[in-house]
Amino acid sequence: GELFGPLPPGGRREFFCLDEHTWVWHEEWIDDHGNRQVKTTRYDIRPSGIVKAQDGQGYQAVTPEEAKRLYKAAKLYEARVRSEIYDPILQQ
């Protein structure tokens, strides 16, 4: 969740890979009225393209721009996991 900047106070953000075809973005925050808001987006990578479902709604195709952002986020995620989790283990 830190890939996308600092978390606001009381906020929570997660971005993770479920399997080789599925990515999840989950965010919680406190809105201007003090209410907790929650949004979960599931991205499925399919042979025909990338689709997403938000908060349990039906799937829709992502725009080319959103696909590029997802790709960049996945590459950053991979680099962070490698450097923060696997590299220290390999150095032991």
Protein backbone atom coordinates (compact mmCIF):
# COMPACT_ATOMS: atom_id res chain seq x y z
CA GLY A 1 0.00 0.00 0.00
CA GLU A 2 2.97 2.36 0.43
CA LEU A 3 3.63 2.29 -3.33
CA PHE A 4 1.02 4.98 -3.83
CA GLY A 5 2.16 7.51 -1.30
CA PRO A 6 1.70 8.10 2.42
CA LEU A 7 -1.42 6.89 4.14
CA PRO A 8 -3.76 9.48 5.59
CA PRO A 9 -4.35 9.28 9.36
CA GLY A 10 -6.76 6.42 10.10
CA GLY A 11 -6.28 5.04 6.58
CA ARG A 12 -5.34 1.59 5.41
CA ARG A 13 -4.18 0.54 1.96
CA GLU A 14 -3.22 -2.83 0.52
CA PHE A 15 -2.07 -3.85 -2.93
CA PHE A 16 -1.24 -7.48 -3.49
CA CYS A 17 -1.15 -10.37 -5.90
CA LEU A 18 -3.51 -13.28 -5.21
CA ASP A 19 -2.15 -15.45 -8.01
CA GLU A 20 -0.51 -15.01 -11.40
CA HIS A 21 -3.72 -13.56 -12.88
CA THR A 22 -5.28 -11.60 -10.02
CA TRP A 23 -4.33 -8.34 -8.28
CA VAL A 24 -6.25 -6.63 -5.48
CA TRP A 25 -6.26 -2.98 -4.40
CA HIS A 26 -8.00 -2.32 -1.06
CA GLU A 27 -8.25 1.05 0.63
CA GLU A 28 -9.98 2.40 3.72
CA TRP A 29 -10.08 6.03 4.75
CA ILE A 30 -12.02 8.53 6.85
CA ASP A 31 -13.95 10.98 4.70
CA ASP A 32 -14.55 14.68 5.38
CA HIS A 33 -17.61 13.82 7.51
CA GLY A 34 -15.73 11.36 9.75
CA ASN A 35 -17.22 8.27 8.10
CA ARG A 36 -15.07 5.26 7.24
CA GLN A 37 -15.04 4.55 3.52
CA VAL A 38 -13.90 1.29 1.93
CA LYS A 39 -13.12 0.42 -1.69
CA THR A 40 -11.83 -2.89 -3.01
CA THR A 41 -10.87 -3.38 -6.64
CA ARG A 42 -10.03 -6.79 -8.07
CA TYR A 43 -8.12 -6.90 -11.36
CA ASP A 44 -8.23 -10.10 -13.40
CA ILE A 45 -5.72 -10.51 -16.19
CA ARG A 46 -7.35 -12.54 -18.95
CA PRO A 47 -6.21 -13.56 -22.43
CA SER A 48 -8.72 -11.06 -23.84
CA GLY A 49 -7.52 -8.18 -21.64
CA ILE A 50 -7.71 -6.84 -18.09
CA VAL A 51 -11.05 -6.51 -16.31
CA LYS A 52 -11.85 -5.15 -12.89
CA ALA A 53 -14.63 -5.47 -10.35
CA GLN A 54 -15.09 -2.89 -7.60
CA ASP A 55 -16.80 -3.65 -4.32
CA GLY A 56 -18.41 -6.84 -5.60
CA GLN A 57 -19.99 -5.27 -8.68
CA GLY A 58 -19.75 -6.79 -12.16
CA TYR A 59 -16.59 -6.83 -14.21
CA GLN A 60 -15.72 -4.12 -16.68
CA ALA A 61 -12.76 -3.69 -19.02
CA VAL A 62 -10.05 -1.30 -17.84
CA THR A 63 -8.93 1.59 -20.01
CA PRO A 64 -5.50 1.43 -21.65
CA GLU A 65 -4.29 4.13 -19.22
CA GLU A 66 -5.47 2.15 -16.19
CA ALA A 67 -3.81 -0.99 -17.60
CA LYS A 68 -0.52 0.93 -17.85
CA ARG A 69 -0.84 2.12 -14.23
CA LEU A 70 -1.59 -1.42 -13.06
CA TYR A 71 1.45 -2.72 -14.94
CA LYS A 72 3.69 -0.08 -13.36
CA ALA A 73 2.27 -0.81 -9.90
CA ALA A 74 2.83 -4.55 -10.37
CA LYS A 75 6.45 -3.95 -11.40
CA LEU A 76 7.03 -1.71 -8.36
CA TYR A 77 5.39 -4.32 -6.13
CA GLU A 78 7.65 -7.04 -7.54
CA ALA A 79 10.77 -4.91 -7.00
CA ARG A 80 9.81 -4.04 -3.41
CA VAL A 81 9.01 -7.64 -2.52
CA ARG A 82 12.29 -8.80 -4.01
CA SER A 83 14.40 -6.15 -2.24
CA GLU A 84 12.61 -6.14 1.13
CA ILE A 85 11.73 -9.81 1.55
CA TYR A 86 13.76 -12.09 -0.68
CA ASP A 87 17.12 -10.28 -0.84
CA PRO A 88 17.53 -10.23 2.99
CA ILE A 89 16.67 -13.95 3.17
CA LEU A 90 19.21 -14.77 0.48
CA GLN A 91 21.89 -12.74 2.27
CA GLN A 92 21.58 -14.82 5.47
